[in-house]
C-alpha atoms as a PDB file:
ATOM      1  CA  MET A   1     -12.450 -25.673 -10.366  1.00  0.00           C
ATOM      2  CA  ARG A   2     -14.987 -27.203 -12.684  1.00  0.00           C
ATOM      3  CA  GLY A   3     -18.501 -27.692 -11.368  1.00  0.00           C
ATOM      4  CA  MET A   4     -17.869 -26.426  -7.838  1.00  0.00           C
ATOM      5  CA  GLY A   5     -16.620 -23.201  -6.257  1.00  0.00           C
ATOM      6  CA  GLY A   6     -14.129 -22.987  -3.439  1.00  0.00           C
ATOM      7  CA  LEU A   7     -16.736 -22.123  -0.810  1.00  0.00           C
ATOM      8  CA  ALA A   8     -18.915 -25.106  -1.747  1.00  0.00           C
ATOM      9  CA  LEU A   9     -15.880 -27.402  -1.673  1.00  0.00           C
ATOM     10  CA  ALA A  10     -14.829 -26.062   1.735  1.00  0.00           C
ATOM     11  CA  GLU A  11     -18.330 -26.687   3.095  1.00  0.00           C
ATOM     12  CA  LYS A  12     -18.221 -30.284   1.882  1.00  0.00           C
ATOM     13  CA  ILE A  13     -14.756 -30.839   3.361  1.00  0.00           C
ATOM     14  CA  ILE A  14     -15.887 -29.490   6.737  1.00  0.00           C
ATOM     15  CA  GLY A  15     -18.937 -31.756   6.529  1.00  0.00           C
ATOM     16  CA  PHE A  16     -16.653 -34.787   6.218  1.00  0.00           C
ATOM     17  CA  CYS A  17     -13.970 -33.497   8.589  1.00  0.00           C
ATOM     18  CA  PRO A  18     -15.144 -30.755  10.995  1.00  0.00           C
ATOM     19  CA  ASP A  19     -11.642 -30.279  12.453  1.00  0.00           C
ATOM     20  CA  CYS A  20     -10.008 -29.760   9.055  1.00  0.00           C
ATOM     21  CA  LYS A  21      -8.085 -26.479   8.694  1.00  0.00           C
ATOM     22  CA  ILE A  22      -8.904 -24.563   5.499  1.00  0.00           C
ATOM     23  CA  VAL A  23      -7.026 -21.586   4.069  1.00  0.00           C
ATOM     24  CA  PHE A  24      -8.562 -19.745   1.110  1.00  0.00           C
ATOM     25  CA  CYS A  25      -6.288 -18.328  -1.570  1.00  0.00           C
ATOM     26  CA  THR A  26      -8.182 -16.008  -3.910  1.00  0.00           C
ATOM     27  CA  GLY A  27      -8.166 -12.755  -5.795  1.00  0.00           C
ATOM     28  CA  TYR A  28     -11.656 -11.814  -4.573  1.00  0.00           C
ATOM     29  CA  GLU A  29     -11.987 -10.158  -1.165  1.00  0.00           C
ATOM     30  CA  GLU A  30     -15.805 -10.139  -1.296  1.00  0.00           C
ATOM     31  CA  TYR A  31     -15.941 -13.823  -0.305  1.00  0.00           C
ATOM     32  CA  ALA A  32     -14.137 -13.224   3.000  1.00  0.00           C
ATOM     33  CA  ILE A  33     -17.321 -13.007   5.094  1.00  0.00           C
ATOM     34  CA  GLN A  34     -18.625 -16.318   3.725  1.00  0.00           C
ATOM     35  CA  ALA A  35     -15.221 -17.906   4.282  1.00  0.00           C
ATOM     36  CA  PHE A  36     -15.112 -16.810   7.933  1.00  0.00           C
ATOM     37  CA  LYS A  37     -18.660 -18.125   8.409  1.00  0.00           C
ATOM     38  CA  LEU A  38     -17.251 -21.514   7.435  1.00  0.00           C
ATOM     39  CA  HIS A  39     -14.624 -21.011  10.166  1.00  0.00           C
ATOM     40  CA  ALA A  40     -11.770 -20.804   7.677  1.00  0.00           C
ATOM     41  CA  THR A  41      -8.340 -20.736   9.276  1.00  0.00           C
ATOM     42  CA  GLY A  42      -7.037 -18.118   6.841  1.00  0.00           C
ATOM     43  CA  TYR A  43      -7.900 -15.994   3.815  1.00  0.00           C
ATOM     44  CA  LEU A  44      -4.974 -15.071   1.560  1.00  0.00           C
ATOM     45  CA  MET A  45      -5.318 -12.500  -1.199  1.00  0.00           C
ATOM     46  CA  LYS A  46      -3.369 -13.024  -4.424  1.00  0.00           C
ATOM     47  CA  PRO A  47      -0.564 -12.468  -5.199  1.00  0.00           C
ATOM     48  CA  VAL A  48       0.602 -14.785  -2.422  1.00  0.00           C
ATOM     49  CA  SER A  49       4.217 -15.082  -1.286  1.00  0.00           C
ATOM     50  CA  ALA A  50       5.975 -18.063   0.265  1.00  0.00           C
ATOM     51  CA  LYS A  51       6.112 -16.066   3.502  1.00  0.00           C
ATOM     52  CA  ASP A  52       2.314 -15.694   3.538  1.00  0.00           C
ATOM     53  CA  VAL A  53       1.867 -19.440   3.098  1.00  0.00           C
ATOM     54  CA  GLN A  54       4.410 -20.230   5.811  1.00  0.00           C
ATOM     55  CA  GLU A  55       2.683 -17.881   8.253  1.00  0.00           C
ATOM     56  CA  GLU A  56      -0.603 -19.710   7.675  1.00  0.00           C
ATOM     57  CA  ILE A  57       1.091 -23.080   8.174  1.00  0.00           C
ATOM     58  CA  ASP A  58       2.710 -21.827  11.373  1.00  0.00           C
ATOM     59  CA  ASN A  59      -0.664 -20.614  12.563  1.00  0.00           C
ATOM     60  CA  ILE A  60      -2.267 -23.984  11.902  1.00  0.00           C
ATOM     61  CA  LYS A  61       0.549 -25.763  13.742  1.00  0.00           C
ATOM     62  CA  GLY A  62      -0.135 -23.605  16.767  1.00  0.00           C
ATOM     63  CA  ILE A  63       3.073 -21.591  16.608  1.00  0.00           C
ATOM     64  CA  ARG A  64       0.996 -18.493  17.230  1.00  0.00           C
ATOM     65  CA  GLN A  65       0.838 -18.640  20.989  1.00  0.00           C
ATOM     66  CA  SER A  66      -2.313 -16.738  21.846  1.00  0.00           C
ATOM     67  CA  GLN A  67      -5.702 -17.035  20.185  1.00  0.00           C
ATOM     68  CA  LYS A  68      -7.103 -13.546  19.804  1.00  0.00           C
ATOM     69  CA  PRO A  69     -10.843 -13.259  20.480  1.00  0.00           C
ATOM     70  CA  LEU A  70     -11.706 -10.998  17.522  1.00  0.00           C
ATOM     71  CA  THR A  71     -10.729 -10.822  13.864  1.00  0.00           C
ATOM     72  CA  VAL A  72     -11.076  -7.342  12.382  1.00  0.00           C
ATOM     73  CA  LYS A  73     -11.163  -6.578   8.661  1.00  0.00           C
ATOM     74  CA  CYS A  74     -10.334  -2.950   7.813  1.00  0.00           C
ATOM     75  CA  PHE A  75      -9.279  -3.217   4.167  1.00  0.00           C
ATOM     76  CA  GLY A  76     -12.367  -2.754   2.024  1.00  0.00           C
ATOM     77  CA  THR A  77     -15.360  -2.328   4.308  1.00  0.00           C
ATOM     78  CA  PHE A  78     -15.036  -2.628   8.086  1.00  0.00           C
ATOM     79  CA  GLU A  79     -16.202  -5.939   9.582  1.00  0.00           C
ATOM     80  CA  VAL A  80     -15.650  -7.749  12.891  1.00  0.00           C
ATOM     81  CA  PHE A  81     -15.707 -11.510  13.463  1.00  0.00           C
ATOM     82  CA  ALA A  82     -15.727 -13.631  16.616  1.00  0.00           C
ATOM     83  CA  LYS A  83     -14.871 -17.308  16.056  1.00  0.00           C
ATOM     84  CA  GLY A  84     -15.720 -16.915  12.391  1.00  0.00           C
ATOM     85  CA  GLU A  85     -19.134 -15.363  13.008  1.00  0.00           C
ATOM     86  CA  LYS A  86     -19.910 -11.732  12.217  1.00  0.00           C
ATOM     87  CA  LEU A  87     -20.130  -9.762  15.476  1.00  0.00           C
ATOM     88  CA  THR A  88     -23.531  -8.134  15.980  1.00  0.00           C
ATOM     89  CA  PHE A  89     -23.758  -4.534  17.197  1.00  0.00           C
ATOM     90  CA  LYS A  90     -26.948  -3.039  18.604  1.00  0.00           C
ATOM     91  CA  ARG A  91     -26.586   0.139  16.548  1.00  0.00           C
ATOM     92  CA  SER A  92     -24.704   1.047  13.376  1.00  0.00           C
ATOM     93  CA  LYS A  93     -23.083   3.884  15.340  1.00  0.00           C
ATOM     94  CA  THR A  94     -21.808   1.357  17.906  1.00  0.00           C
ATOM     95  CA  LYS A  95     -20.013  -0.457  15.100  1.00  0.00           C
ATOM     96  CA  GLU A  96     -18.658   2.866  13.810  1.00  0.00           C
ATOM     97  CA  LEU A  97     -17.409   3.743  17.293  1.00  0.00           C
ATOM     98  CA  PHE A  98     -15.567   0.414  17.441  1.00  0.00           C
ATOM     99  CA  ALA A  99     -14.108   1.085  13.973  1.00  0.00           C
ATOM    100  CA  PHE A 100     -12.875   4.514  15.115  1.00  0.00           C
ATOM    101  CA  LEU A 101     -11.159   2.984  18.144  1.00  0.00           C
ATOM    102  CA  VAL A 102      -9.540   0.340  15.894  1.00  0.00           C
ATOM    103  CA  ASP A 103      -8.333   3.125  13.594  1.00  0.00           C
ATOM    104  CA  ARG A 104      -6.645   4.863  16.540  1.00  0.00           C
ATOM    105  CA  ASN A 105      -4.411   1.770  16.981  1.00  0.00           C
ATOM    106  CA  GLY A 106      -4.327   1.828  20.776  1.00  0.00           C
ATOM    107  CA  ALA A 107      -4.222   5.611  21.191  1.00  0.00           C
ATOM    108  CA  GLY A 108      -6.695   6.985  23.698  1.00  0.00           C
ATOM    109  CA  VAL A 109      -9.476   9.307  22.529  1.00  0.00           C
ATOM    110  CA  THR A 110     -11.940  11.497  24.396  1.00  0.00           C
ATOM    111  CA  VAL A 111     -15.690  11.716  23.974  1.00  0.00           C
ATOM    112  CA  ALA A 112     -15.229  15.112  22.325  1.00  0.00           C
ATOM    113  CA  GLU A 113     -12.810  13.671  19.753  1.00  0.00           C
ATOM    114  CA  ILE A 114     -15.244  10.876  19.007  1.00  0.00           C
ATOM    115  CA  GLY A 115     -18.026  13.433  18.540  1.00  0.00           C
ATOM    116  CA  VAL A 116     -15.954  15.363  16.012  1.00  0.00           C
ATOM    117  CA  ALA A 117     -15.221  12.221  14.003  1.00  0.00           C
ATOM    118  CA  LEU A 118     -18.677  10.642  14.062  1.00  0.00           C
ATOM    119  CA  TRP A 119     -20.769  13.815  13.762  1.00  0.00           C
ATOM    120  CA  GLU A 120     -18.283  16.620  12.970  1.00  0.00           C
ATOM    121  CA  ASN A 121     -19.716  18.374  16.028  1.00  0.00           C
ATOM    122  CA  ASN A 122     -18.042  18.466  19.434  1.00  0.00           C
ATOM    123  CA  GLU A 123     -20.371  21.012  21.014  1.00  0.00           C
ATOM    124  CA  ASP A 124     -23.615  19.027  21.085  1.00  0.00           C
ATOM    125  CA  GLN A 125     -24.149  17.592  24.584  1.00  0.00           C
ATOM    126  CA  LYS A 126     -26.830  15.287  23.205  1.00  0.00           C
ATOM    127  CA  ASN A 127     -24.167  13.608  21.077  1.00  0.00           C
ATOM    128  CA  HIS A 128     -21.911  13.247  24.123  1.00  0.00           C
ATOM    129  CA  ASN A 129     -24.683  11.522  26.062  1.00  0.00           C
ATOM    130  CA  TYR A 130     -25.379   9.290  23.070  1.00  0.00           C
ATOM    131  CA  ILE A 131     -21.696   8.320  22.846  1.00  0.00           C
ATOM    132  CA  HIS A 132     -21.804   7.102  26.450  1.00  0.00           C
ATOM    133  CA  GLN A 133     -24.779   4.936  25.453  1.00  0.00           C
ATOM    134  CA  LEU A 134     -22.758   3.613  22.514  1.00  0.00           C
ATOM    135  CA  PHE A 135     -19.934   2.650  24.884  1.00  0.00           C
ATOM    136  CA  HIS A 136     -22.466   0.727  26.972  1.00  0.00           C
ATOM    137  CA  ASP A 137     -23.706  -1.069  23.843  1.00  0.00           C
ATOM    138  CA  LEU A 138     -20.122  -1.815  22.777  1.00  0.00           C
ATOM    139  CA  ARG A 139     -19.254  -3.385  26.121  1.00  0.00           C
ATOM    140  CA  GLN A 140     -22.329  -5.591  25.878  1.00  0.00           C
ATOM    141  CA  SER A 141     -21.414  -6.736  22.355  1.00  0.00           C
ATOM    142  CA  LEU A 142     -17.872  -7.568  23.460  1.00  0.00           C
ATOM    143  CA  GLU A 143     -19.078  -9.385  26.573  1.00  0.00           C
ATOM    144  CA  THR A 144     -21.301 -11.692  24.509  1.00  0.00           C
ATOM    145  CA  VAL A 145     -18.179 -13.126  22.822  1.00  0.00           C
ATOM    146  CA  GLY A 146     -15.856 -12.971  25.835  1.00  0.00           C
ATOM    147  CA  ALA A 147     -13.811 -10.090  24.406  1.00  0.00           C
ATOM    148  CA  GLU A 148     -14.558  -7.348  26.940  1.00  0.00           C
ATOM    149  CA  GLU A 149     -10.861  -7.090  27.924  1.00  0.00           C
ATOM    150  CA  ILE A 150     -10.144  -5.529  24.511  1.00  0.00           C
ATOM    151  CA  PHE A 151     -11.821  -2.289  25.600  1.00  0.00           C
ATOM    152  CA  GLU A 152      -9.850  -0.001  27.919  1.00  0.00           C
ATOM    153  CA  ARG A 153     -10.557   3.250  29.744  1.00  0.00           C
ATOM    154  CA  ASN A 154      -8.064   5.517  31.478  1.00  0.00           C
ATOM    155  CA  HIS A 155      -9.803   8.481  33.093  1.00  0.00           C
ATOM    156  CA  TYR A 156     -11.268  10.450  30.152  1.00  0.00           C
ATOM    157  CA  PHE A 157      -9.530   8.413  27.448  1.00  0.00           C
ATOM    158  CA  TYR A 158     -10.998   5.382  25.686  1.00  0.00           C
ATOM    159  CA  SER A 159      -9.047   2.870  23.604  1.00  0.00           C
ATOM    160  CA  LEU A 160      -8.730  -0.721  22.396  1.00  0.00           C
ATOM    161  CA  ASN A 161      -5.768  -3.011  23.070  1.00  0.00           C
ATOM    162  CA  PRO A 162      -4.254  -3.752  19.615  1.00  0.00           C
ATOM    163  CA  GLU A 163      -2.450  -6.840  20.944  1.00  0.00           C
ATOM    164  CA  LYS A 164      -5.805  -8.532  21.524  1.00  0.00           C
ATOM    165  CA  LEU A 165      -7.060  -8.066  17.945  1.00  0.00           C
ATOM    166  CA  ASP A 166      -6.248 -10.049  14.817  1.00  0.00           C
ATOM    167  CA  CYS A 167      -6.476  -7.095  12.440  1.00  0.00           C
ATOM    168  CA  ASP A 168      -5.377  -6.826   8.797  1.00  0.00           C
ATOM    169  CA  TYR A 169      -4.557  -3.110   9.263  1.00  0.00           C
ATOM    170  CA  TYR A 170      -2.256  -3.786  12.242  1.00  0.00           C
ATOM    171  CA  THR A 171      -0.606  -6.712  10.469  1.00  0.00           C
ATOM    172  CA  TYR A 172       0.011  -4.551   7.405  1.00  0.00           C
ATOM    173  CA  LEU A 173       1.699  -1.860   9.495  1.00  0.00           C
ATOM    174  CA  LYS A 174       4.050  -4.483  10.960  1.00  0.00           C
ATOM    175  CA  THR A 175       4.724  -6.705   7.947  1.00  0.00           C
ATOM    176  CA  GLY A 176       3.424  -5.023   4.791  1.00  0.00           C
ATOM    177  CA  ARG A 177       0.919  -7.856   4.320  1.00  0.00           C
ATOM    178  CA  PRO A 178      -1.820  -8.330   3.280  1.00  0.00           C
ATOM    179  CA  GLU A 179      -1.496  -6.038   0.272  1.00  0.00           C
ATOM    180  CA  PHE A 180      -3.275  -2.674   0.600  1.00  0.00           C
ATOM    181  CA  ARG A 181      -5.395  -2.116  -2.518  1.00  0.00           C
ATOM    182  CA  GLY A 182      -6.687   1.370  -1.895  1.00  0.00           C
ATOM    183  CA  GLU A 183      -9.766   0.804   0.269  1.00  0.00           C
ATOM    184  CA  TYR A 184      -9.821   1.190   4.045  1.00  0.00           C
ATOM    185  CA  MET A 185     -13.018   1.225   6.129  1.00  0.00           C
ATOM    186  CA  SER A 186     -14.685   2.542   3.001  1.00  0.00           C
ATOM    187  CA  GLN A 187     -18.090   3.140   4.650  1.00  0.00           C
ATOM    188  CA  TYR A 188     -16.668   5.848   6.965  1.00  0.00           C
ATOM    189  CA  SER A 189     -15.632   9.289   5.684  1.00  0.00           C
ATOM    190  CA  TRP A 190     -13.361   9.988   8.684  1.00  0.00           C
ATOM    191  CA  ALA A 191     -11.217   6.965   7.652  1.00  0.00           C
ATOM    192  CA  GLU A 192     -10.063   8.783   4.494  1.00  0.00           C
ATOM    193  CA  GLU A 193      -7.119  10.336   6.363  1.00  0.00           C
ATOM    194  CA  THR A 194      -5.721   6.930   7.333  1.00  0.00           C
ATOM    195  CA  CYS A 195      -6.427   5.649   3.827  1.00  0.00           C
ATOM    196  CA  GLY A 196      -4.309   8.498   2.449  1.00  0.00           C
ATOM    197  CA  LEU A 197      -1.450   7.629   4.800  1.00  0.00           C
ATOM    198  CA  LEU A 198      -1.646   3.999   3.684  1.00  0.00           C
ATOM    199  CA  TRP A 199      -1.394   5.121   0.043  1.00  0.00           C
ATOM    200  CA  GLU A 200       1.725   7.130   0.907  1.00  0.00           C
ATOM    201  CA  ARG A 201       3.239   4.111   2.662  1.00  0.00           C
ATOM    202  CA  ARG A 202       2.456   1.923  -0.345  1.00  0.00           C
ATOM    203  CA  SER A 203       4.231   4.290  -2.748  1.00  0.00           C
ATOM    204  CA  GLU A 204       7.431   4.473  -0.663  1.00  0.00           C
END
């Protein structure tokens, strides 16, 4: 568009009509955070299929029955949004812990397994104690946005409920969309294994 970018146009539209639903269609994933800050309804990455567009229309019409409290972006760098706003974590390791639980896709993990992933050391009791502190921080972050029910604990196993997250990774596993372009939670080295599996899936 001449003279004005899509984000600036969206901001003006929302200024005139706060209830307007806006879906971005772009080839640039780096604008996703700004788009969600504007409370965009959707963010489609090119190339876009008719099915993608229809899913966004269905979403706007309210065909999607339940509104999930958190939107999670795994492709590229890992980010979490609540009602369009970036979720704040007390510590960077708290965010990484949440990312690891998202990566497990509902499977339960122990404190020792978390220690191996986040520090490559499952023998250090100090790390175990610190992980319990991170769980406390995570619960607080989730409670501030009314999403505490996402977190689950069963005896010694910790997990997240995938059905309560709007997550690009989970959607891709179910539908093959959005397109995987080779980056998955790129700030975390332990995510390379899942990234490799996604590459294998893409080449099938």
